[in-house]
Amino acid sequence: MSTNNTKKLAGKVAVVTGASKGIGAAIAEHLAAEGASVVVNYASSKAGAEKIVSGINARGGKAIAVQADVARKADIERLFAETKKAFGQLDVLVNNAGIYEFLPLEQITAEHFHKQFDLNVLGLILATQEAIKQFASLSSVINISSVVSTSPAPGGSVYSATKAAVDAVTKSLAKELGARKIRVNSINPGMIETDGFRASGFAESDLRKQVEAQTPLGRIGQPQDVATVATFLASADSGWITGETFHVSGGFR
């Protein structure tokens, strides 16, 4: 991270959805360390979000926590209204909020389908729609996709489809918003060690061993592996990059 007088995101304001833990929390912390004022969005984990905010503020950064379910349009509108009220502007949106559920084909229901698409795809689109009302030019949208968009896992047909949709949305919006100097890119992480990952039992699983064996760099990722790339995409360092999907996966394909 930069020294105090060369912070890459000084004077910028960022919203990070789903930022109370895991990848979103790491991104919020890294953006704040580079000088951005950060809105830490959460759906239900108020304590988690407030812990991230107090950590950022204790290190001399600026952050607030705002509850909003990104699958609900009214909540999204409130999230961006609170952002404007607190910081007066918006420069970066990180669409990180998402859920994953794995089911075999025989057990897939309309509810399973809509729960994931409503948050992972529609929520991302609606959040971006609201963000661009506040964006100045030279703004950045960063969508958190997944390697499953191109390497789907068994039992993950619906989740993988949501992430393939995110990749398509990224490319389409990059073309649509480019003339307004708004850049849109996605980060497609491989397997990342988060609290949710450990709670799901993946940490000691055969699947983890398989992924590590197929990963040229020989390990699964950590949240900060994604956060550093998000910080790059939020900054002017990536000023001529848009419409790209960055596989942050240790070479896993």
C-alpha atoms as a PDB file:
ATOM      1  CA  MET A   1       0.000   0.000   0.000  1.00  0.00           C
ATOM      2  CA  SER A   2       1.072   3.558  -0.652  1.00  0.00           C
ATOM      3  CA  THR A   3       2.705   5.950   1.754  1.00  0.00           C
ATOM      4  CA  ASN A   4       0.543   8.725   3.130  1.00  0.00           C
ATOM      5  CA  ASN A   5       1.369  11.341   0.530  1.00  0.00           C
ATOM      6  CA  THR A   6       0.742   9.102  -2.494  1.00  0.00           C
ATOM      7  CA  LYS A   7      -2.494   7.351  -1.635  1.00  0.00           C
ATOM      8  CA  LYS A   8      -4.024   6.158  -4.911  1.00  0.00           C
ATOM      9  CA  LEU A   9      -7.639   6.775  -3.891  1.00  0.00           C
ATOM     10  CA  ALA A  10      -7.316  10.010  -1.899  1.00  0.00           C
ATOM     11  CA  GLY A  11     -10.514  12.042  -2.202  1.00  0.00           C
ATOM     12  CA  LYS A  12     -12.494   9.134  -3.688  1.00  0.00           C
ATOM     13  CA  VAL A  13     -15.657   7.552  -2.285  1.00  0.00           C
ATOM     14  CA  ALA A  14     -16.409   3.837  -2.676  1.00  0.00           C
ATOM     15  CA  VAL A  15     -19.409   1.636  -1.951  1.00  0.00           C
ATOM     16  CA  VAL A  16     -18.624  -2.030  -1.320  1.00  0.00           C
ATOM     17  CA  THR A  17     -21.663  -4.316  -1.153  1.00  0.00           C
ATOM     18  CA  GLY A  18     -21.602  -7.347   1.096  1.00  0.00           C
ATOM     19  CA  ALA A  19     -18.590  -5.996   2.961  1.00  0.00           C
ATOM     20  CA  SER A  20     -19.120  -7.219   6.529  1.00  0.00           C
ATOM     21  CA  LYS A  21     -16.796 -10.193   6.033  1.00  0.00           C
ATOM     22  CA  GLY A  22     -14.635 -12.139   3.611  1.00  0.00           C
ATOM     23  CA  ILE A  23     -13.648 -10.699   0.261  1.00  0.00           C
ATOM     24  CA  GLY A  24     -15.872  -7.609   0.635  1.00  0.00           C
ATOM     25  CA  ALA A  25     -14.360  -6.711   4.004  1.00  0.00           C
ATOM     26  CA  ALA A  26     -10.816  -7.080   2.662  1.00  0.00           C
ATOM     27  CA  ILE A  27     -11.662  -4.871  -0.316  1.00  0.00           C
ATOM     28  CA  ALA A  28     -13.191  -2.195   1.934  1.00  0.00           C
ATOM     29  CA  GLU A  29     -10.076  -2.205   4.127  1.00  0.00           C
ATOM     30  CA  HIS A  30      -7.683  -1.965   1.181  1.00  0.00           C
ATOM     31  CA  LEU A  31      -9.635   0.851  -0.513  1.00  0.00           C
ATOM     32  CA  ALA A  32      -9.684   2.773   2.778  1.00  0.00           C
ATOM     33  CA  ALA A  33      -5.936   2.250   3.267  1.00  0.00           C
ATOM     34  CA  GLU A  34      -5.412   3.901  -0.132  1.00  0.00           C
ATOM     35  CA  GLY A  35      -7.388   6.954   0.984  1.00  0.00           C
ATOM     36  CA  ALA A  36     -10.955   6.237  -0.135  1.00  0.00           C
ATOM     37  CA  SER A  37     -13.934   6.989   2.068  1.00  0.00           C
ATOM     38  CA  VAL A  38     -15.777   3.660   2.155  1.00  0.00           C
ATOM     39  CA  VAL A  39     -19.401   2.666   2.627  1.00  0.00           C
ATOM     40  CA  VAL A  40     -19.445  -0.828   4.117  1.00  0.00           C
ATOM     41  CA  ASN A  41     -22.756  -2.356   3.067  1.00  0.00           C
ATOM     42  CA  TYR A  42     -24.215  -5.374   4.835  1.00  0.00           C
ATOM     43  CA  ALA A  43     -27.492  -7.291   4.653  1.00  0.00           C
ATOM     44  CA  SER A  44     -27.708  -8.820   8.144  1.00  0.00           C
ATOM     45  CA  SER A  45     -24.307  -8.825   9.877  1.00  0.00           C
ATOM     46  CA  LYS A  46     -24.412  -5.437  11.588  1.00  0.00           C
ATOM     47  CA  ALA A  47     -21.733  -6.414  14.124  1.00  0.00           C
ATOM     48  CA  GLY A  48     -19.410  -7.605  11.350  1.00  0.00           C
ATOM     49  CA  ALA A  49     -19.832  -4.404   9.348  1.00  0.00           C
ATOM     50  CA  GLU A  50     -19.324  -2.174  12.397  1.00  0.00           C
ATOM     51  CA  LYS A  51     -16.139  -4.086  13.260  1.00  0.00           C
ATOM     52  CA  ILE A  52     -14.747  -3.390   9.772  1.00  0.00           C
ATOM     53  CA  VAL A  53     -15.755   0.296  10.017  1.00  0.00           C
ATOM     54  CA  SER A  54     -14.212   0.787  13.462  1.00  0.00           C
ATOM     55  CA  GLY A  55     -10.989  -0.853  12.260  1.00  0.00           C
ATOM     56  CA  ILE A  56     -10.798   1.474   9.250  1.00  0.00           C
ATOM     57  CA  ASN A  57     -11.529   4.543  11.369  1.00  0.00           C
ATOM     58  CA  ALA A  58      -8.980   3.467  14.009  1.00  0.00           C
ATOM     59  CA  ARG A  59      -6.317   3.395  11.295  1.00  0.00           C
ATOM     60  CA  GLY A  60      -7.143   6.953  10.271  1.00  0.00           C
ATOM     61  CA  GLY A  61      -9.486   6.082   7.413  1.00  0.00           C
ATOM     62  CA  LYS A  62     -13.102   7.052   6.838  1.00  0.00           C
ATOM     63  CA  ALA A  63     -15.946   4.539   6.712  1.00  0.00           C
ATOM     64  CA  ILE A  64     -19.602   4.079   7.580  1.00  0.00           C
ATOM     65  CA  ALA A  65     -21.801   0.965   7.678  1.00  0.00           C
ATOM     66  CA  VAL A  66     -25.130   0.947   5.813  1.00  0.00           C
ATOM     67  CA  GLN A  67     -27.639  -1.908   5.947  1.00  0.00           C
ATOM     68  CA  ALA A  68     -29.280  -2.794   2.620  1.00  0.00           C
ATOM     69  CA  ASP A  69     -30.431  -6.001   0.973  1.00  0.00           C
ATOM     70  CA  VAL A  70     -29.063  -5.572  -2.542  1.00  0.00           C
ATOM     71  CA  ALA A  71     -31.808  -7.821  -3.918  1.00  0.00           C
ATOM     72  CA  ARG A  72     -34.328  -5.068  -3.026  1.00  0.00           C
ATOM     73  CA  LYS A  73     -34.561  -1.905  -5.106  1.00  0.00           C
ATOM     74  CA  ALA A  74     -35.792   0.264  -2.220  1.00  0.00           C
ATOM     75  CA  ASP A  75     -32.846  -0.839  -0.081  1.00  0.00           C
ATOM     76  CA  ILE A  76     -30.425  -0.049  -2.904  1.00  0.00           C
ATOM     77  CA  GLU A  77     -31.881   3.452  -3.278  1.00  0.00           C
ATOM     78  CA  ARG A  78     -31.442   4.024   0.468  1.00  0.00           C
ATOM     79  CA  LEU A  79     -27.850   2.731   0.347  1.00  0.00           C
ATOM     80  CA  PHE A  80     -26.857   5.321  -2.255  1.00  0.00           C
ATOM     81  CA  ALA A  81     -28.862   8.094  -0.586  1.00  0.00           C
ATOM     82  CA  GLU A  82     -26.944   7.401   2.660  1.00  0.00           C
ATOM     83  CA  THR A  83     -23.680   7.451   0.693  1.00  0.00           C
ATOM     84  CA  LYS A  84     -24.471  10.853  -0.790  1.00  0.00           C
ATOM     85  CA  LYS A  85     -25.566  12.212   2.588  1.00  0.00           C
ATOM     86  CA  ALA A  86     -22.341  11.041   4.278  1.00  0.00           C
ATOM     87  CA  PHE A  87     -19.753  11.796   1.596  1.00  0.00           C
ATOM     88  CA  GLY A  88     -21.408  13.933  -1.088  1.00  0.00           C
ATOM     89  CA  GLN A  89     -20.109  11.971  -4.078  1.00  0.00           C
ATOM     90  CA  LEU A  90     -19.373   8.506  -5.463  1.00  0.00           C
ATOM     91  CA  ASP A  91     -16.442   7.263  -7.546  1.00  0.00           C
ATOM     92  CA  VAL A  92     -16.194   3.492  -7.093  1.00  0.00           C
ATOM     93  CA  LEU A  93     -18.782   0.719  -6.807  1.00  0.00           C
ATOM     94  CA  VAL A  94     -17.706  -2.804  -5.877  1.00  0.00           C
ATOM     95  CA  ASN A  95     -20.559  -5.249  -6.534  1.00  0.00           C
ATOM     96  CA  ASN A  96     -19.449  -7.977  -4.140  1.00  0.00           C
ATOM     97  CA  ALA A  97     -22.706  -9.043  -2.451  1.00  0.00           C
ATOM     98  CA  GLY A  98     -23.678 -12.521  -3.543  1.00  0.00           C
ATOM     99  CA  ILE A  99     -24.751 -15.961  -2.409  1.00  0.00           C
ATOM    100  CA  TYR A 100     -23.976 -19.447  -3.535  1.00  0.00           C
ATOM    101  CA  GLU A 101     -26.033 -22.589  -3.122  1.00  0.00           C
ATOM    102  CA  PHE A 102     -25.150 -25.912  -4.698  1.00  0.00           C
ATOM    103  CA  LEU A 103     -27.857 -28.455  -5.572  1.00  0.00           C
ATOM    104  CA  PRO A 104     -27.995 -31.417  -7.929  1.00  0.00           C
ATOM    105  CA  LEU A 105     -30.232 -30.995 -10.963  1.00  0.00           C
ATOM    106  CA  GLU A 106     -33.072 -33.034  -9.452  1.00  0.00           C
ATOM    107  CA  GLN A 107     -33.382 -30.661  -6.491  1.00  0.00           C
ATOM    108  CA  ILE A 108     -33.290 -27.302  -8.313  1.00  0.00           C
ATOM    109  CA  THR A 109     -36.401 -25.186  -7.719  1.00  0.00           C
ATOM    110  CA  ALA A 110     -37.621 -21.819  -8.914  1.00  0.00           C
ATOM    111  CA  GLU A 111     -36.849 -20.467  -5.440  1.00  0.00           C
ATOM    112  CA  HIS A 112     -33.229 -21.726  -5.623  1.00  0.00           C
ATOM    113  CA  PHE A 113     -32.894 -20.102  -9.058  1.00  0.00           C
ATOM    114  CA  HIS A 114     -34.463 -16.725  -8.227  1.00  0.00           C
ATOM    115  CA  LYS A 115     -32.731 -16.340  -4.850  1.00  0.00           C
ATOM    116  CA  GLN A 116     -29.335 -16.425  -6.544  1.00  0.00           C
ATOM    117  CA  PHE A 117     -30.197 -14.521  -9.720  1.00  0.00           C
ATOM    118  CA  ASP A 118     -32.078 -11.788  -7.808  1.00  0.00           C
ATOM    119  CA  LEU A 119     -28.988 -10.960  -5.732  1.00  0.00           C
ATOM    120  CA  ASN A 120     -26.049 -11.999  -7.887  1.00  0.00           C
ATOM    121  CA  VAL A 121     -27.304 -10.544 -11.178  1.00  0.00           C
ATOM    122  CA  LEU A 122     -30.353  -8.308 -10.773  1.00  0.00           C
ATOM    123  CA  GLY A 123     -29.001  -6.757  -7.550  1.00  0.00           C
ATOM    124  CA  LEU A 124     -25.700  -6.018  -9.250  1.00  0.00           C
ATOM    125  CA  ILE A 125     -27.478  -4.371 -12.195  1.00  0.00           C
ATOM    126  CA  LEU A 126     -29.783  -2.293  -9.961  1.00  0.00           C
ATOM    127  CA  ALA A 127     -26.882  -1.173  -7.743  1.00  0.00           C
ATOM    128  CA  THR A 128     -24.942  -0.058 -10.823  1.00  0.00           C
ATOM    129  CA  GLN A 129     -28.033   1.702 -12.167  1.00  0.00           C
ATOM    130  CA  GLU A 130     -28.292   3.707  -8.950  1.00  0.00           C
ATOM    131  CA  ALA A 131     -24.544   4.356  -8.695  1.00  0.00           C
ATOM    132  CA  ILE A 132     -24.214   5.942 -12.133  1.00  0.00           C
ATOM    133  CA  LYS A 133     -26.689   8.650 -11.079  1.00  0.00           C
ATOM    134  CA  GLN A 134     -23.993   9.874  -8.668  1.00  0.00           C
ATOM    135  CA  PHE A 135     -20.816   9.003 -10.557  1.00  0.00           C
ATOM    136  CA  ALA A 136     -18.498  11.697 -11.793  1.00  0.00           C
ATOM    137  CA  SER A 137     -16.524  10.803 -14.911  1.00  0.00           C
ATOM    138  CA  LEU A 138     -13.465   8.573 -14.405  1.00  0.00           C
ATOM    139  CA  SER A 139     -15.465   6.274 -12.145  1.00  0.00           C
ATOM    140  CA  SER A 140     -15.044   2.527 -11.766  1.00  0.00           C
ATOM    141  CA  VAL A 141     -17.427  -0.401 -11.315  1.00  0.00           C
ATOM    142  CA  ILE A 142     -15.848  -3.645 -10.105  1.00  0.00           C
ATOM    143  CA  ASN A 143     -17.998  -6.764 -10.260  1.00  0.00           C
ATOM    144  CA  ILE A 144     -16.986  -9.796  -8.216  1.00  0.00           C
ATOM    145  CA  SER A 145     -17.602 -12.814 -10.430  1.00  0.00           C
ATOM    146  CA  SER A 146     -15.966 -16.246 -10.097  1.00  0.00           C
ATOM    147  CA  VAL A 147     -13.892 -18.789 -11.985  1.00  0.00           C
ATOM    148  CA  VAL A 148     -17.079 -20.902 -12.079  1.00  0.00           C
ATOM    149  CA  SER A 149     -18.354 -18.566 -14.815  1.00  0.00           C
ATOM    150  CA  THR A 150     -15.996 -20.402 -17.175  1.00  0.00           C
ATOM    151  CA  SER A 151     -15.200 -23.537 -15.099  1.00  0.00           C
ATOM    152  CA  PRO A 152     -18.560 -24.559 -13.596  1.00  0.00           C
ATOM    153  CA  ALA A 153     -18.621 -27.118 -10.799  1.00  0.00           C
ATOM    154  CA  PRO A 154     -21.006 -30.081 -10.599  1.00  0.00           C
ATOM    155  CA  GLY A 155     -24.085 -29.160  -8.594  1.00  0.00           C
ATOM    156  CA  GLY A 156     -23.484 -25.486  -9.223  1.00  0.00           C
ATOM    157  CA  SER A 157     -25.406 -24.959 -12.435  1.00  0.00           C
ATOM    158  CA  VAL A 158     -27.497 -22.041 -11.168  1.00  0.00           C
ATOM    159  CA  TYR A 159     -24.673 -20.323  -9.268  1.00  0.00           C
ATOM    160  CA  SER A 160     -22.288 -20.794 -12.201  1.00  0.00           C
ATOM    161  CA  ALA A 161     -24.941 -19.336 -14.507  1.00  0.00           C
ATOM    162  CA  THR A 162     -25.238 -16.221 -12.321  1.00  0.00           C
ATOM    163  CA  LYS A 163     -21.500 -15.642 -12.603  1.00  0.00           C
ATOM    164  CA  ALA A 164     -21.472 -16.213 -16.369  1.00  0.00           C
ATOM    165  CA  ALA A 165     -24.215 -13.577 -16.469  1.00  0.00           C
ATOM    166  CA  VAL A 166     -22.052 -11.205 -14.397  1.00  0.00           C
ATOM    167  CA  ASP A 167     -19.239 -11.576 -16.954  1.00  0.00           C
ATOM    168  CA  ALA A 168     -21.649 -10.761 -19.793  1.00  0.00           C
ATOM    169  CA  VAL A 169     -23.096  -7.782 -17.905  1.00  0.00           C
ATOM    170  CA  THR A 170     -19.555  -6.517 -17.264  1.00  0.00           C
ATOM    171  CA  LYS A 171     -18.675  -6.528 -20.960  1.00  0.00           C
ATOM    172  CA  SER A 172     -21.983  -5.010 -22.042  1.00  0.00           C
ATOM    173  CA  LEU A 173     -21.926  -2.189 -19.476  1.00  0.00           C
ATOM    174  CA  ALA A 174     -18.290  -1.409 -20.289  1.00  0.00           C
ATOM    175  CA  LYS A 175     -19.363  -0.695 -23.877  1.00  0.00           C
ATOM    176  CA  GLU A 176     -22.484   1.183 -22.788  1.00  0.00           C
ATOM    177  CA  LEU A 177     -20.816   3.398 -20.172  1.00  0.00           C
ATOM    178  CA  GLY A 178     -17.417   3.952 -21.786  1.00  0.00           C
ATOM    179  CA  ALA A 179     -18.423   7.217 -23.433  1.00  0.00           C
ATOM    180  CA  ARG A 180     -19.204   8.545 -19.940  1.00  0.00           C
ATOM    181  CA  LYS A 181     -15.683   7.571 -18.794  1.00  0.00           C
ATOM    182  CA  ILE A 182     -17.089   4.919 -16.467  1.00  0.00           C
ATOM    183  CA  ARG A 183     -15.023   1.743 -16.468  1.00  0.00           C
ATOM    184  CA  VAL A 184     -16.548  -1.680 -15.721  1.00  0.00           C
ATOM    185  CA  ASN A 185     -14.443  -4.755 -14.978  1.00  0.00           C
ATOM    186  CA  SER A 186     -14.883  -8.010 -13.112  1.00  0.00           C
ATOM    187  CA  ILE A 187     -12.650 -10.022 -10.814  1.00  0.00           C
ATOM    188  CA  ASN A 188     -13.138 -13.779 -11.054  1.00  0.00           C
ATOM    189  CA  PRO A 189     -11.630 -15.318  -7.913  1.00  0.00           C
ATOM    190  CA  GLY A 190     -10.768 -18.960  -7.553  1.00  0.00           C
ATOM    191  CA  MET A 191     -11.345 -20.748  -4.253  1.00  0.00           C
ATOM    192  CA  ILE A 192     -10.825 -18.210  -1.439  1.00  0.00           C
ATOM    193  CA  GLU A 193     -10.420 -19.007   2.253  1.00  0.00           C
ATOM    194  CA  THR A 194     -13.148 -17.015   4.002  1.00  0.00           C
ATOM    195  CA  ASP A 195     -15.257 -17.538   7.150  1.00  0.00           C
ATOM    196  CA  GLY A 196     -18.074 -18.823   4.938  1.00  0.00           C
ATOM    197  CA  PHE A 197     -15.691 -21.201   3.206  1.00  0.00           C
ATOM    198  CA  ARG A 198     -14.578 -22.624   6.547  1.00  0.00           C
ATOM    199  CA  ALA A 199     -18.145 -22.760   7.920  1.00  0.00           C
ATOM    200  CA  SER A 200     -19.240 -24.715   4.833  1.00  0.00           C
ATOM    201  CA  GLY A 201     -16.673 -27.396   5.609  1.00  0.00           C
ATOM    202  CA  PHE A 202     -14.607 -26.730   2.466  1.00  0.00           C
ATOM    203  CA  ALA A 203     -11.392 -25.921   4.368  1.00  0.00           C
ATOM    204  CA  GLU A 204     -10.484 -29.568   4.982  1.00  0.00           C
ATOM    205  CA  SER A 205     -12.386 -31.019   2.021  1.00  0.00           C
ATOM    206  CA  ASP A 206     -11.291 -33.197  -0.888  1.00  0.00           C
ATOM    207  CA  LEU A 207     -12.525 -30.407  -3.167  1.00  0.00           C
ATOM    208  CA  ARG A 208      -9.948 -28.044  -1.694  1.00  0.00           C
ATOM    209  CA  LYS A 209      -7.207 -30.623  -2.280  1.00  0.00           C
ATOM    210  CA  GLN A 210      -8.386 -31.087  -5.890  1.00  0.00           C
ATOM    211  CA  VAL A 211      -8.393 -27.348  -6.549  1.00  0.00           C
ATOM    212  CA  GLU A 212      -4.932 -26.903  -5.032  1.00  0.00           C
ATOM    213  CA  ALA A 213      -3.634 -29.773  -7.193  1.00  0.00           C
ATOM    214  CA  GLN A 214      -5.036 -28.055 -10.322  1.00  0.00           C
ATOM    215  CA  THR A 215      -3.700 -24.607  -9.338  1.00  0.00           C
ATOM    216  CA  PRO A 216      -0.242 -23.799 -10.743  1.00  0.00           C
ATOM    217  CA  LEU A 217       0.601 -21.653  -7.697  1.00  0.00           C
ATOM    218  CA  GLY A 218      -0.347 -24.563  -5.454  1.00  0.00           C
ATOM    219  CA  ARG A 219      -2.669 -22.911  -2.937  1.00  0.00           C
ATOM    220  CA  ILE A 220      -6.137 -21.473  -2.582  1.00  0.00           C
ATOM    221  CA  GLY A 221      -6.514 -17.711  -2.273  1.00  0.00           C
ATOM    222  CA  GLN A 222      -6.887 -15.301   0.620  1.00  0.00           C
ATOM    223  CA  PRO A 223      -9.288 -12.322   0.639  1.00  0.00           C
ATOM    224  CA  GLN A 224      -6.388  -9.871   0.281  1.00  0.00           C
ATOM    225  CA  ASP A 225      -5.378 -11.567  -2.992  1.00  0.00           C
ATOM    226  CA  VAL A 226      -8.627 -10.221  -4.442  1.00  0.00           C
ATOM    227  CA  ALA A 227      -8.559  -6.912  -2.551  1.00  0.00           C
ATOM    228  CA  THR A 228      -5.250  -5.789  -4.058  1.00  0.00           C
ATOM    229  CA  VAL A 229      -6.612  -6.312  -7.581  1.00  0.00           C
ATOM    230  CA  ALA A 230      -9.811  -4.432  -6.698  1.00  0.00           C
ATOM    231  CA  THR A 231      -7.701  -1.525  -5.441  1.00  0.00           C
ATOM    232  CA  PHE A 232      -5.820  -1.468  -8.747  1.00  0.00           C
ATOM    233  CA  LEU A 233      -9.096  -1.470 -10.720  1.00  0.00           C
ATOM    234  CA  ALA A 234     -10.492   1.331  -8.528  1.00  0.00           C
ATOM    235  CA  SER A 235      -7.456   3.529  -9.155  1.00  0.00           C
ATOM    236  CA  ALA A 236      -6.136   5.561 -12.073  1.00  0.00           C
ATOM    237  CA  ASP A 237      -3.456   2.879 -12.523  1.00  0.00           C
ATOM    238  CA  SER A 238      -6.070   0.917 -14.495  1.00  0.00           C
ATOM    239  CA  GLY A 239      -7.384   3.966 -16.340  1.00  0.00           C
ATOM    240  CA  TRP A 240      -7.255   2.332 -19.798  1.00  0.00           C
ATOM    241  CA  ILE A 241      -8.784  -0.983 -18.748  1.00  0.00           C
ATOM    242  CA  THR A 242     -12.481  -1.735 -19.136  1.00  0.00           C
ATOM    243  CA  GLY A 243     -14.672  -4.690 -20.062  1.00  0.00           C
ATOM    244  CA  GLU A 244     -12.138  -7.185 -18.719  1.00  0.00           C
ATOM    245  CA  THR A 245     -12.512 -10.247 -16.509  1.00  0.00           C
ATOM    246  CA  PHE A 246      -9.497 -10.798 -14.271  1.00  0.00           C
ATOM    247  CA  HIS A 247      -9.014 -14.396 -13.151  1.00  0.00           C
ATOM    248  CA  VAL A 248      -7.475 -14.094  -9.689  1.00  0.00           C
ATOM    249  CA  SER A 249      -7.072 -17.777  -9.092  1.00  0.00           C
ATOM    250  CA  GLY A 250      -3.415 -18.773  -8.928  1.00  0.00           C
ATOM    251  CA  GLY A 251      -3.662 -19.994 -12.506  1.00  0.00           C
ATOM    252  CA  PHE A 252      -6.637 -22.335 -11.903  1.00  0.00           C
ATOM    253  CA  ARG A 253      -8.640 -22.864 -15.099  1.00  0.00           C
END
